[in-house]
C-alpha atoms as a PDB file:
ATOM      1  CA  UNK A   1      92.086  98.766 114.931  1.00  0.00           C
ATOM      2  CA  UNK A   2      91.265  99.307 111.258  1.00  0.00           C
ATOM      3  CA  UNK A   3      92.590  96.669 108.929  1.00  0.00           C
ATOM      4  CA  UNK A   4      94.200  97.873 105.737  1.00  0.00           C
ATOM      5  CA  UNK A   5      94.453  96.236 102.362  1.00  0.00           C
ATOM      6  CA  UNK A   6      97.664  95.211 100.622  1.00  0.00           C
ATOM      7  CA  UNK A   7     100.840  97.220 101.198  1.00  0.00           C
ATOM      8  CA  UNK A   8     102.225  98.535  97.919  1.00  0.00           C
ATOM      9  CA  UNK A   9     105.973  99.329  98.115  1.00  0.00           C
ATOM     10  CA  UNK A  10     106.896 102.766  96.776  1.00  0.00           C
ATOM     11  CA  UNK A  11     109.106 102.162  93.755  1.00  0.00           C
ATOM     12  CA  UNK A  12     110.840 105.554  94.006  1.00  0.00           C
ATOM     13  CA  UNK A  13     112.374 104.600  97.356  1.00  0.00           C
ATOM     14  CA  UNK A  14     113.341 101.036  96.478  1.00  0.00           C
ATOM     15  CA  UNK A  15     114.776 102.212  93.144  1.00  0.00           C
ATOM     16  CA  UNK A  16     116.878 104.956  94.761  1.00  0.00           C
ATOM     17  CA  UNK A  17     118.110 102.670  97.548  1.00  0.00           C
ATOM     18  CA  UNK A  18     119.041  99.998  94.997  1.00  0.00           C
ATOM     19  CA  UNK A  19     121.310 102.601  93.407  1.00  0.00           C
ATOM     20  CA  UNK A  20     122.962 103.548  96.701  1.00  0.00           C
ATOM     21  CA  UNK A  21     123.418 100.510  98.901  1.00  0.00           C
ATOM     22  CA  UNK A  22     125.775  98.468  96.655  1.00  0.00           C
ATOM     23  CA  UNK A  23     128.152 101.443  96.267  1.00  0.00           C
ATOM     24  CA  UNK A  24     128.119 102.233  99.998  1.00  0.00           C
ATOM     25  CA  UNK A  25     128.628  98.565 100.886  1.00  0.00           C
ATOM     26  CA  UNK A  26     131.482  98.205  98.359  1.00  0.00           C
ATOM     27  CA  UNK A  27     133.185 101.355  99.696  1.00  0.00           C
ATOM     28  CA  UNK A  28     133.009  99.961 103.217  1.00  0.00           C
ATOM     29  CA  UNK A  29     134.500  96.641 102.115  1.00  0.00           C
ATOM     30  CA  UNK A  30     137.303  98.466 100.271  1.00  0.00           C
ATOM     31  CA  UNK A  31     138.140 100.559 103.340  1.00  0.00           C
ATOM     32  CA  UNK A  32     138.261  97.439 105.505  1.00  0.00           C
ATOM     33  CA  UNK A  33     140.665  95.850 103.005  1.00  0.00           C
ATOM     34  CA  UNK A  34     142.923  98.907 103.120  1.00  0.00           C
ATOM     35  CA  UNK A  35     142.748  98.936 106.926  1.00  0.00           C
ATOM     36  CA  UNK A  36     143.844  95.288 106.975  1.00  0.00           C
ATOM     37  CA  UNK A  37     146.749  96.067 104.660  1.00  0.00           C
ATOM     38  CA  UNK A  38     147.846  98.974 106.887  1.00  0.00           C
ATOM     39  CA  UNK A  39     147.552  96.767 109.973  1.00  0.00           C
ATOM     40  CA  UNK A  40     149.584  94.003 108.315  1.00  0.00           C
ATOM     41  CA  UNK A  41     152.439  96.428 107.614  1.00  0.00           C
ATOM     42  CA  UNK A  42     152.607  97.375 111.281  1.00  0.00           C
ATOM     43  CA  UNK A  43     151.874 101.067 110.753  1.00  0.00           C
ATOM     44  CA  UNK A  44     150.413 103.352 113.414  1.00  0.00           C
ATOM     45  CA  UNK A  45     147.315 101.951 115.097  1.00  0.00           C
ATOM     46  CA  UNK A  46     145.206 105.073 114.538  1.00  0.00           C
ATOM     47  CA  UNK A  47     145.587 104.715 110.778  1.00  0.00           C
ATOM     48  CA  UNK A  48     144.043 101.289 110.404  1.00  0.00           C
ATOM     49  CA  UNK A  49     141.561 101.803 113.244  1.00  0.00           C
ATOM     50  CA  UNK A  50     140.190 104.938 111.571  1.00  0.00           C
ATOM     51  CA  UNK A  51     139.840 103.228 108.193  1.00  0.00           C
ATOM     52  CA  UNK A  52     138.315 100.134 109.775  1.00  0.00           C
ATOM     53  CA  UNK A  53     135.803 102.268 111.690  1.00  0.00           C
ATOM     54  CA  UNK A  54     134.707 104.200 108.604  1.00  0.00           C
ATOM     55  CA  UNK A  55     134.590 100.998 106.553  1.00  0.00           C
ATOM     56  CA  UNK A  56     132.482  99.236 109.168  1.00  0.00           C
ATOM     57  CA  UNK A  57     130.104 102.203 109.325  1.00  0.00           C
ATOM     58  CA  UNK A  58     129.679 102.145 105.540  1.00  0.00           C
ATOM     59  CA  UNK A  59     128.940  98.420 105.563  1.00  0.00           C
ATOM     60  CA  UNK A  60     126.390  98.934 108.349  1.00  0.00           C
ATOM     61  CA  UNK A  61     124.670 101.768 106.445  1.00  0.00           C
ATOM     62  CA  UNK A  62     124.648  99.703 103.238  1.00  0.00           C
ATOM     63  CA  UNK A  63     123.105  96.746 105.068  1.00  0.00           C
ATOM     64  CA  UNK A  64     120.552  99.032 106.761  1.00  0.00           C
ATOM     65  CA  UNK A  65     119.498 100.476 103.400  1.00  0.00           C
ATOM     66  CA  UNK A  66     119.099  96.959 102.019  1.00  0.00           C
ATOM     67  CA  UNK A  67     116.839  96.039 104.946  1.00  0.00           C
ATOM     68  CA  UNK A  68     114.597  99.138 104.696  1.00  0.00           C
ATOM     69  CA  UNK A  69     114.354  99.269 100.894  1.00  0.00           C
ATOM     70  CA  UNK A  70     110.810  97.828 100.958  1.00  0.00           C
ATOM     71  CA  UNK A  71     109.663  99.633 104.110  1.00  0.00           C
ATOM     72  CA  UNK A  72     108.221 102.603 102.188  1.00  0.00           C
ATOM     73  CA  UNK A  73     104.682 101.843 101.016  1.00  0.00           C
ATOM     74  CA  UNK A  74     101.105 103.035 100.531  1.00  0.00           C
ATOM     75  CA  UNK A  75      98.123 101.180 101.942  1.00  0.00           C
ATOM     76  CA  UNK A  76      94.387 101.784 101.621  1.00  0.00           C
ATOM     77  CA  UNK A  77      92.225 101.699 104.758  1.00  0.00           C
ATOM     78  CA  UNK A  78      88.478 102.152 105.250  1.00  0.00           C
ATOM     79  CA  UNK A  79      88.614 105.919 105.711  1.00  0.00           C
ATOM     80  CA  UNK A  80      92.133 106.972 104.761  1.00  0.00           C
ATOM     81  CA  UNK A  81      95.199 106.248 102.692  1.00  0.00           C
ATOM     82  CA  UNK A  82      98.393 105.602 104.620  1.00  0.00           C
ATOM     83  CA  UNK A  83     101.748 106.680 103.168  1.00  0.00           C
ATOM     84  CA  UNK A  84     104.814 105.358 104.992  1.00  0.00           C
ATOM     85  CA  UNK A  85     108.554 105.897 104.547  1.00  0.00           C
ATOM     86  CA  UNK A  86     111.394 104.766 106.859  1.00  0.00           C
ATOM     87  CA  UNK A  87     111.188 108.057 108.818  1.00  0.00           C
ATOM     88  CA  UNK A  88     107.685 109.333 108.110  1.00  0.00           C
ATOM     89  CA  UNK A  89     104.065 108.197 108.337  1.00  0.00           C
ATOM     90  CA  UNK A  90     101.126 110.125 106.892  1.00  0.00           C
ATOM     91  CA  UNK A  91      97.383 109.423 106.903  1.00  0.00           C
ATOM     92  CA  UNK A  92      95.401 111.048 104.085  1.00  0.00           C
ATOM     93  CA  UNK A  93      91.639 111.213 104.624  1.00  0.00           C
ATOM     94  CA  UNK A  94      89.594 110.224 101.578  1.00  0.00           C
ATOM     95  CA  UNK A  95      87.592 113.426 102.095  1.00  0.00           C
ATOM     96  CA  UNK A  96      90.700 115.333 101.037  1.00  0.00           C
ATOM     97  CA  UNK A  97      90.944 113.489  97.716  1.00  0.00           C
ATOM     98  CA  UNK A  98      89.348 115.293  94.766  1.00  0.00           C
ATOM     99  CA  UNK A  99      90.187 112.763  92.088  1.00  0.00           C
ATOM    100  CA  UNK A 100      92.855 110.341  90.896  1.00  0.00           C
ATOM    101  CA  UNK A 101      94.376 109.839  87.467  1.00  0.00           C
ATOM    102  CA  UNK A 102      97.089 107.725  85.872  1.00  0.00           C
ATOM    103  CA  UNK A 103      99.889 108.873  83.620  1.00  0.00           C
ATOM    104  CA  UNK A 104     103.410 108.017  82.513  1.00  0.00           C
ATOM    105  CA  UNK A 105     106.243 108.923  84.899  1.00  0.00           C
ATOM    106  CA  UNK A 106     108.462 110.162  82.079  1.00  0.00           C
ATOM    107  CA  UNK A 107     105.677 112.368  80.707  1.00  0.00           C
ATOM    108  CA  UNK A 108     105.015 113.827  84.146  1.00  0.00           C
ATOM    109  CA  UNK A 109     108.695 114.659  84.694  1.00  0.00           C
ATOM    110  CA  UNK A 110     110.270 115.427  81.289  1.00  0.00           C
ATOM    111  CA  UNK A 111     114.100 115.699  81.426  1.00  0.00           C
ATOM    112  CA  UNK A 112     114.109 119.425  80.658  1.00  0.00           C
ATOM    113  CA  UNK A 113     111.912 120.212  83.684  1.00  0.00           C
ATOM    114  CA  UNK A 114     113.953 118.473  86.402  1.00  0.00           C
ATOM    115  CA  UNK A 115     117.526 118.375  87.645  1.00  0.00           C
ATOM    116  CA  UNK A 116     120.165 116.131  86.102  1.00  0.00           C
ATOM    117  CA  UNK A 117     120.317 113.738  89.051  1.00  0.00           C
ATOM    118  CA  UNK A 118     116.514 113.401  89.073  1.00  0.00           C
ATOM    119  CA  UNK A 119     116.552 112.662  85.339  1.00  0.00           C
ATOM    120  CA  UNK A 120     119.140 109.926  85.936  1.00  0.00           C
ATOM    121  CA  UNK A 121     116.946 108.370  88.615  1.00  0.00           C
ATOM    122  CA  UNK A 122     113.824 108.473  86.442  1.00  0.00           C
ATOM    123  CA  UNK A 123     115.396 107.222  83.205  1.00  0.00           C
ATOM    124  CA  UNK A 124     115.238 103.444  83.999  1.00  0.00           C
ATOM    125  CA  UNK A 125     111.638 103.677  85.255  1.00  0.00           C
ATOM    126  CA  UNK A 126     110.335 106.441  82.961  1.00  0.00           C
ATOM    127  CA  UNK A 127     107.859 104.108  81.226  1.00  0.00           C
ATOM    128  CA  UNK A 128     106.136 103.077  84.454  1.00  0.00           C
ATOM    129  CA  UNK A 129     102.623 104.311  85.248  1.00  0.00           C
ATOM    130  CA  UNK A 130     102.012 106.551  88.252  1.00  0.00           C
ATOM    131  CA  UNK A 131      98.826 107.454  90.117  1.00  0.00           C
ATOM    132  CA  UNK A 132      98.365 111.179  90.679  1.00  0.00           C
ATOM    133  CA  UNK A 133      96.169 111.815  93.727  1.00  0.00           C
ATOM    134  CA  UNK A 134      94.759 115.351  93.604  1.00  0.00           C
ATOM    135  CA  UNK A 135      93.719 116.832  96.956  1.00  0.00           C
ATOM    136  CA  UNK A 136      91.571 119.672  98.249  1.00  0.00           C
ATOM    137  CA  UNK A 137      94.462 120.559 100.545  1.00  0.00           C
ATOM    138  CA  UNK A 138      97.594 118.955 101.936  1.00  0.00           C
ATOM    139  CA  UNK A 139      97.209 117.314 105.378  1.00  0.00           C
ATOM    140  CA  UNK A 140     100.216 119.363 106.535  1.00  0.00           C
ATOM    141  CA  UNK A 141     102.329 122.209 105.084  1.00  0.00           C
ATOM    142  CA  UNK A 142     103.948 121.252 101.787  1.00  0.00           C
ATOM    143  CA  UNK A 143     107.290 122.582 103.010  1.00  0.00           C
ATOM    144  CA  UNK A 144     107.185 120.014 105.823  1.00  0.00           C
ATOM    145  CA  UNK A 145     106.189 117.220 103.448  1.00  0.00           C
ATOM    146  CA  UNK A 146     109.141 118.003 101.192  1.00  0.00           C
ATOM    147  CA  UNK A 147     111.503 117.476 104.138  1.00  0.00           C
ATOM    148  CA  UNK A 148     110.410 113.835 104.393  1.00  0.00           C
ATOM    149  CA  UNK A 149     109.341 112.891 100.858  1.00  0.00           C
ATOM    150  CA  UNK A 150     111.266 112.703  97.601  1.00  0.00           C
ATOM    151  CA  UNK A 151     110.776 115.649  95.187  1.00  0.00           C
ATOM    152  CA  UNK A 152     109.374 113.057  92.774  1.00  0.00           C
ATOM    153  CA  UNK A 153     106.197 112.904  94.875  1.00  0.00           C
ATOM    154  CA  UNK A 154     105.308 116.394  93.615  1.00  0.00           C
ATOM    155  CA  UNK A 155     104.898 117.479  89.995  1.00  0.00           C
ATOM    156  CA  UNK A 156     104.172 121.107  90.944  1.00  0.00           C
ATOM    157  CA  UNK A 157     102.982 123.175  93.916  1.00  0.00           C
ATOM    158  CA  UNK A 158      99.300 122.189  93.741  1.00  0.00           C
ATOM    159  CA  UNK A 159      97.949 119.832  96.462  1.00  0.00           C
ATOM    160  CA  UNK A 160      98.625 116.304  95.199  1.00  0.00           C
ATOM    161  CA  UNK A 161     100.850 113.235  95.531  1.00  0.00           C
ATOM    162  CA  UNK A 162     102.524 111.270  92.746  1.00  0.00           C
ATOM    163  CA  UNK A 163     102.447 107.584  93.699  1.00  0.00           C
ATOM    164  CA  UNK A 164     104.554 104.998  91.872  1.00  0.00           C
ATOM    165  CA  UNK A 165     104.012 101.316  92.700  1.00  0.00           C
ATOM    166  CA  UNK A 166     104.670  98.141  90.730  1.00  0.00           C
ATOM    167  CA  UNK A 167     101.022  97.059  90.484  1.00  0.00           C
ATOM    168  CA  UNK A 168      99.387 100.416  89.827  1.00  0.00           C
ATOM    169  CA  UNK A 169      96.125  98.899  88.575  1.00  0.00           C
ATOM    170  CA  UNK A 170      95.590  96.917  91.786  1.00  0.00           C
ATOM    171  CA  UNK A 171      96.462  99.931  93.937  1.00  0.00           C
ATOM    172  CA  UNK A 172      94.128 102.195  91.965  1.00  0.00           C
ATOM    173  CA  UNK A 173      91.309  99.656  92.223  1.00  0.00           C
ATOM    174  CA  UNK A 174      91.774  99.262  95.993  1.00  0.00           C
ATOM    175  CA  UNK A 175      91.914 103.014  96.519  1.00  0.00           C
ATOM    176  CA  UNK A 176      88.762 103.669  94.499  1.00  0.00           C
ATOM    177  CA  UNK A 177      86.835 100.818  96.131  1.00  0.00           C
ATOM    178  CA  UNK A 178      87.651 102.178  99.594  1.00  0.00           C
ATOM    179  CA  UNK A 179      86.787 105.748  98.579  1.00  0.00           C
ATOM    180  CA  UNK A 180      83.523 104.641  96.960  1.00  0.00           C
ATOM    181  CA  UNK A 181      82.622 102.587 100.010  1.00  0.00           C
ATOM    182  CA  UNK A 182      83.189 105.560 102.296  1.00  0.00           C
ATOM    183  CA  UNK A 183      81.123 107.868 100.069  1.00  0.00           C
ATOM    184  CA  UNK A 184      78.279 105.339  99.833  1.00  0.00           C
ATOM    185  CA  UNK A 185      78.297 104.820 103.591  1.00  0.00           C
ATOM    186  CA  UNK A 186      78.203 108.577 104.254  1.00  0.00           C
ATOM    187  CA  UNK A 187      75.346 109.072 101.768  1.00  0.00           C
ATOM    188  CA  UNK A 188      73.369 106.195 103.299  1.00  0.00           C
ATOM    189  CA  UNK A 189      73.847 107.605 106.802  1.00  0.00           C
ATOM    190  CA  UNK A 190      72.732 111.052 105.641  1.00  0.00           C
ATOM    191  CA  UNK A 191      69.632 109.534 104.020  1.00  0.00           C
ATOM    192  CA  UNK A 192      68.775 107.572 107.172  1.00  0.00           C
ATOM    193  CA  UNK A 193      69.151 110.691 109.317  1.00  0.00           C
ATOM    194  CA  UNK A 194      66.840 112.547 106.941  1.00  0.00           C
ATOM    195  CA  UNK A 195      64.208 109.787 107.166  1.00  0.00           C
ATOM    196  CA  UNK A 196      64.396 109.710 110.973  1.00  0.00           C
ATOM    197  CA  UNK A 197      64.059 113.488 111.030  1.00  0.00           C
ATOM    198  CA  UNK A 198      60.894 113.332 108.904  1.00  0.00           C
ATOM    199  CA  UNK A 199      59.391 110.569 111.040  1.00  0.00           C
ATOM    200  CA  UNK A 200      60.061 112.587 114.180  1.00  0.00           C
ATOM    201  CA  UNK A 201      58.387 115.584 112.566  1.00  0.00           C
ATOM    202  CA  UNK A 202      55.166 113.625 111.902  1.00  0.00           C
ATOM    203  CA  UNK A 203      54.893 112.255 115.432  1.00  0.00           C
END
């Protein structure tokens, strides 16, 4: 089994979950408090049971989000880049990658080009640097990718991914070293095959 390098958590997911889980958890706790108050007053059982059930579900969802907040990541392997979210896993062959570049998240998604809720999400992290990975083609239909990935992974409809991690320089270095290693290995193998072919010809 191929061994990958460091896992780099995807900031977009952890940032969005950090916005959601406290509110969901607090709502659940509030509903449980109301359910207890209704129970204490001796009102109908279905009233407090319903509130308690919804409150417990909210607390569970909030806790689940807290647990999975770092489970979305990118990781470089010998021959591919792995992109993982809580419900999706994608392997991107280095042969699909045309080039990579770095830019500012806020410059890539100016407020007037995105929805209001997306602008609110980006505002606190707008100064962070992203890696734009340009591809020859997507590994699967873009419409399918958009079902599983945040809209902030795509700046337009061209084949690419926008990757935001905390240590973008380390991620970029690892990605390029793996890509360069694969290219060098392929070139060396091609050269060796050419030499063997010539030797066979002279026999």
